[in-house]
Amino acid sequence: MGEPKGVARKGVHTAVGPDLQTVTVTGITPGLQVQCEGVPVADWLCSCGHHERARGRAAVIALTTRVDVGTCPHTAPAEGRAAA
């Protein structure tokens, strides 16, 4: 029986916490990669470092039609009043 009453209510402390350090990945070329075997999966790595993954036929089709490899939509100049 050994454990004092109420120990289970205190929970378990964990050593795993949020990792707040920035990770730099090298050796991966920006572009679009599509895998069609099994469940279709597409990975898009923008030249600015933005990454998106789509799973399923409809999501992969939507991603591949939206992405323009070689053009970064994340660092495009602002439009409208801010650009003027």
N, C-alpha and C. Protein backbone atom coordinates (compact mmCIF):
# COMPACT_ATOMS: atom_id res chain seq x y z
N MET A 1 0.82 -1.16 0.00
CA MET A 1 0.00 0.00 0.00
C MET A 1 0.87 1.24 0.00
N GLY A 2 1.84 1.43 0.61
CA GLY A 2 2.95 2.35 0.67
C GLY A 2 2.77 3.83 0.39
N GLU A 3 1.93 4.28 -0.55
CA GLU A 3 1.86 5.70 -0.89
C GLU A 3 0.88 6.43 0.02
N PRO A 4 1.28 7.64 0.46
CA PRO A 4 0.37 8.42 1.30
C PRO A 4 -0.87 8.86 0.53
N LYS A 5 -1.95 9.10 1.27
CA LYS A 5 -3.21 9.51 0.66
C LYS A 5 -3.04 10.86 -0.04
N GLY A 6 -3.62 11.00 -1.27
CA GLY A 6 -3.57 12.27 -1.99
C GLY A 6 -2.41 12.39 -2.96
N VAL A 7 -1.49 11.43 -2.99
CA VAL A 7 -0.34 11.52 -3.88
C VAL A 7 -0.78 11.51 -5.34
N ALA A 8 -1.73 10.69 -5.70
CA ALA A 8 -2.18 10.60 -7.09
C ALA A 8 -2.81 11.90 -7.56
N ARG A 9 -3.41 12.66 -6.67
CA ARG A 9 -4.04 13.92 -7.06
C ARG A 9 -3.03 15.01 -7.40
N LYS A 10 -1.82 14.89 -6.96
CA LYS A 10 -0.80 15.91 -7.22
C LYS A 10 -0.28 15.86 -8.66
N GLY A 11 -0.50 14.78 -9.34
CA GLY A 11 -0.06 14.68 -10.72
C GLY A 11 1.39 14.23 -10.83
N VAL A 12 1.85 14.20 -12.05
CA VAL A 12 3.21 13.76 -12.33
C VAL A 12 3.98 14.92 -12.91
N HIS A 13 5.13 15.20 -12.37
CA HIS A 13 5.99 16.24 -12.92
C HIS A 13 6.69 15.68 -14.15
N THR A 14 6.82 16.51 -15.16
CA THR A 14 7.44 16.06 -16.39
C THR A 14 8.66 16.91 -16.71
N ALA A 15 9.64 16.30 -17.30
CA ALA A 15 10.86 17.02 -17.68
C ALA A 15 10.73 17.62 -19.07
N VAL A 16 9.66 17.30 -19.78
CA VAL A 16 9.46 17.80 -21.13
C VAL A 16 8.66 19.09 -21.05
N GLY A 17 9.21 20.14 -21.61
CA GLY A 17 8.52 21.42 -21.62
C GLY A 17 8.63 22.05 -22.99
N PRO A 18 8.10 23.23 -23.16
CA PRO A 18 8.20 23.89 -24.46
C PRO A 18 9.65 24.25 -24.77
N ASP A 19 10.05 23.99 -25.98
CA ASP A 19 11.40 24.30 -26.43
C ASP A 19 11.35 25.67 -27.08
N LEU A 20 11.90 26.67 -26.44
CA LEU A 20 11.82 28.03 -26.92
C LEU A 20 13.02 28.43 -27.77
N GLN A 21 13.92 27.50 -28.05
CA GLN A 21 15.08 27.80 -28.87
C GLN A 21 14.73 27.71 -30.34
N THR A 22 15.31 28.60 -31.13
CA THR A 22 15.11 28.57 -32.58
C THR A 22 15.95 27.46 -33.17
N VAL A 23 15.36 26.72 -34.07
CA VAL A 23 16.05 25.63 -34.73
C VAL A 23 16.39 26.05 -36.16
N THR A 24 17.63 25.86 -36.55
CA THR A 24 18.05 26.16 -37.90
C THR A 24 18.28 24.86 -38.64
N VAL A 25 17.63 24.71 -39.77
CA VAL A 25 17.76 23.50 -40.56
C VAL A 25 18.53 23.85 -41.82
N THR A 26 19.53 23.06 -42.15
CA THR A 26 20.30 23.29 -43.36
C THR A 26 20.24 22.05 -44.23
N GLY A 27 20.48 22.24 -45.52
CA GLY A 27 20.53 21.11 -46.44
C GLY A 27 19.20 20.75 -47.06
N ILE A 28 18.16 21.51 -46.75
CA ILE A 28 16.85 21.25 -47.35
C ILE A 28 16.57 22.35 -48.36
N THR A 29 16.28 21.96 -49.57
CA THR A 29 16.03 22.92 -50.64
C THR A 29 14.56 23.33 -50.64
N PRO A 30 14.29 24.65 -50.68
CA PRO A 30 12.90 25.08 -50.77
C PRO A 30 12.24 24.56 -52.04
N GLY A 31 10.96 24.28 -51.96
CA GLY A 31 10.22 23.78 -53.11
C GLY A 31 8.98 23.04 -52.67
N LEU A 32 8.37 22.35 -53.60
CA LEU A 32 7.14 21.61 -53.37
C LEU A 32 7.41 20.13 -53.62
N GLN A 33 7.05 19.30 -52.67
CA GLN A 33 7.23 17.85 -52.81
C GLN A 33 5.88 17.19 -52.59
N VAL A 34 5.47 16.34 -53.54
CA VAL A 34 4.18 15.67 -53.47
C VAL A 34 4.40 14.16 -53.48
N GLN A 35 3.73 13.47 -52.55
CA GLN A 35 3.78 12.01 -52.48
C GLN A 35 2.36 11.51 -52.70
N CYS A 36 2.19 10.63 -53.67
CA CYS A 36 0.85 10.16 -54.02
C CYS A 36 0.56 8.73 -53.58
N GLU A 37 1.54 8.01 -53.07
CA GLU A 37 1.32 6.64 -52.64
C GLU A 37 0.55 6.64 -51.32
N GLY A 38 -0.49 5.82 -51.23
CA GLY A 38 -1.30 5.80 -50.01
C GLY A 38 -2.10 7.09 -49.91
N VAL A 39 -2.04 7.75 -48.77
CA VAL A 39 -2.71 9.04 -48.58
C VAL A 39 -1.83 10.12 -49.21
N PRO A 40 -2.37 10.90 -50.14
CA PRO A 40 -1.57 11.96 -50.76
C PRO A 40 -1.10 12.98 -49.72
N VAL A 41 0.18 13.36 -49.80
CA VAL A 41 0.78 14.33 -48.89
C VAL A 41 1.63 15.28 -49.72
N ALA A 42 1.53 16.58 -49.43
CA ALA A 42 2.36 17.57 -50.10
C ALA A 42 3.03 18.43 -49.05
N ASP A 43 4.32 18.68 -49.22
CA ASP A 43 5.08 19.57 -48.35
C ASP A 43 5.60 20.72 -49.18
N TRP A 44 5.37 21.94 -48.70
CA TRP A 44 5.88 23.12 -49.37
C TRP A 44 6.79 23.86 -48.41
N LEU A 45 8.04 24.05 -48.81
CA LEU A 45 8.99 24.83 -48.04
C LEU A 45 9.31 26.07 -48.85
N CYS A 46 8.86 27.23 -48.36
CA CYS A 46 9.08 28.49 -49.05
C CYS A 46 10.54 28.92 -48.85
N SER A 47 11.03 29.77 -49.72
CA SER A 47 12.41 30.24 -49.60
C SER A 47 12.63 31.06 -48.34
N CYS A 48 11.55 31.59 -47.74
CA CYS A 48 11.67 32.37 -46.50
C CYS A 48 11.70 31.46 -45.27
N GLY A 49 11.43 30.16 -45.45
CA GLY A 49 11.45 29.22 -44.34
C GLY A 49 10.07 28.76 -43.90
N HIS A 50 9.02 29.35 -44.44
CA HIS A 50 7.65 28.95 -44.11
C HIS A 50 7.40 27.53 -44.65
N HIS A 51 6.78 26.69 -43.83
CA HIS A 51 6.50 25.31 -44.23
C HIS A 51 5.01 25.03 -44.09
N GLU A 52 4.45 24.37 -45.09
CA GLU A 52 3.06 23.92 -45.04
C GLU A 52 2.99 22.47 -45.48
N ARG A 53 2.09 21.73 -44.85
CA ARG A 53 1.85 20.33 -45.23
C ARG A 53 0.37 20.15 -45.46
N ALA A 54 0.04 19.45 -46.54
CA ALA A 54 -1.35 19.13 -46.86
C ALA A 54 -1.48 17.62 -46.94
N ARG A 55 -2.57 17.11 -46.36
CA ARG A 55 -2.84 15.66 -46.40
C ARG A 55 -4.22 15.44 -46.96
N GLY A 56 -4.32 14.45 -47.82
CA GLY A 56 -5.59 14.15 -48.46
C GLY A 56 -5.64 14.77 -49.85
N ARG A 57 -6.38 14.12 -50.73
CA ARG A 57 -6.41 14.52 -52.15
C ARG A 57 -6.82 15.97 -52.34
N ALA A 58 -7.93 16.39 -51.74
CA ALA A 58 -8.44 17.75 -51.92
C ALA A 58 -7.46 18.79 -51.37
N ALA A 59 -6.88 18.53 -50.21
CA ALA A 59 -5.94 19.48 -49.60
C ALA A 59 -4.66 19.59 -50.42
N VAL A 60 -4.19 18.47 -50.97
CA VAL A 60 -2.97 18.49 -51.80
C VAL A 60 -3.24 19.27 -53.09
N ILE A 61 -4.39 19.06 -53.70
CA ILE A 61 -4.73 19.79 -54.93
C ILE A 61 -4.81 21.30 -54.63
N ALA A 62 -5.43 21.67 -53.51
CA ALA A 62 -5.54 23.08 -53.15
C ALA A 62 -4.17 23.70 -52.92
N LEU A 63 -3.28 22.99 -52.24
CA LEU A 63 -1.94 23.53 -51.98
C LEU A 63 -1.14 23.67 -53.27
N THR A 64 -1.19 22.66 -54.12
CA THR A 64 -0.40 22.71 -55.35
C THR A 64 -0.90 23.77 -56.32
N THR A 65 -2.18 24.10 -56.28
CA THR A 65 -2.68 25.17 -57.16
C THR A 65 -2.39 26.55 -56.59
N ARG A 66 -2.27 26.66 -55.27
CA ARG A 66 -2.01 27.95 -54.62
C ARG A 66 -0.54 28.34 -54.62
N VAL A 67 0.34 27.36 -54.54
CA VAL A 67 1.78 27.63 -54.41
C VAL A 67 2.40 28.00 -55.75
N ASP A 68 3.25 29.01 -55.72
CA ASP A 68 4.05 29.38 -56.89
C ASP A 68 5.51 29.24 -56.46
N VAL A 69 6.10 28.10 -56.78
CA VAL A 69 7.47 27.81 -56.36
C VAL A 69 8.40 28.87 -56.93
N GLY A 70 9.24 29.42 -56.08
CA GLY A 70 10.17 30.46 -56.50
C GLY A 70 9.68 31.86 -56.18
N THR A 71 8.42 31.99 -55.78
CA THR A 71 7.86 33.28 -55.40
C THR A 71 7.40 33.19 -53.95
N CYS A 72 7.91 34.09 -53.12
CA CYS A 72 7.56 34.09 -51.70
C CYS A 72 6.40 35.05 -51.45
N PRO A 73 5.23 34.53 -51.08
CA PRO A 73 4.11 35.42 -50.77
C PRO A 73 4.20 36.03 -49.37
N HIS A 74 5.13 35.56 -48.56
CA HIS A 74 5.22 36.00 -47.17
C HIS A 74 6.04 37.28 -47.01
N THR A 75 6.90 37.59 -47.95
CA THR A 75 7.72 38.80 -47.86
C THR A 75 7.40 39.78 -48.97
N ALA A 76 6.24 39.61 -49.61
CA ALA A 76 5.83 40.49 -50.70
C ALA A 76 5.59 41.89 -50.14
N PRO A 77 5.84 42.93 -50.95
CA PRO A 77 5.59 44.29 -50.46
C PRO A 77 4.11 44.51 -50.18
N ALA A 78 3.84 45.37 -49.22
CA ALA A 78 2.45 45.64 -48.82
C ALA A 78 1.71 46.35 -49.93
N GLU A 79 0.42 46.08 -50.00
CA GLU A 79 -0.41 46.71 -51.03
C GLU A 79 -1.31 47.74 -50.38
N GLY A 80 -1.89 48.61 -51.18
CA GLY A 80 -2.86 49.58 -50.67
C GLY A 80 -2.18 50.83 -50.13
N ARG A 81 -2.77 51.37 -49.04
CA ARG A 81 -2.29 52.64 -48.49
C ARG A 81 -0.87 52.54 -47.95
N ALA A 82 -0.52 51.40 -47.36
CA ALA A 82 0.82 51.26 -46.78
C ALA A 82 1.90 51.35 -47.86
N ALA A 83 1.61 50.89 -49.07
CA ALA A 83 2.58 50.93 -50.15
C ALA A 83 2.70 52.33 -50.73
N ALA A 84 1.67 53.12 -50.63
CA ALA A 84 1.68 54.48 -51.20
C ALA A 84 2.40 55.40 -50.30
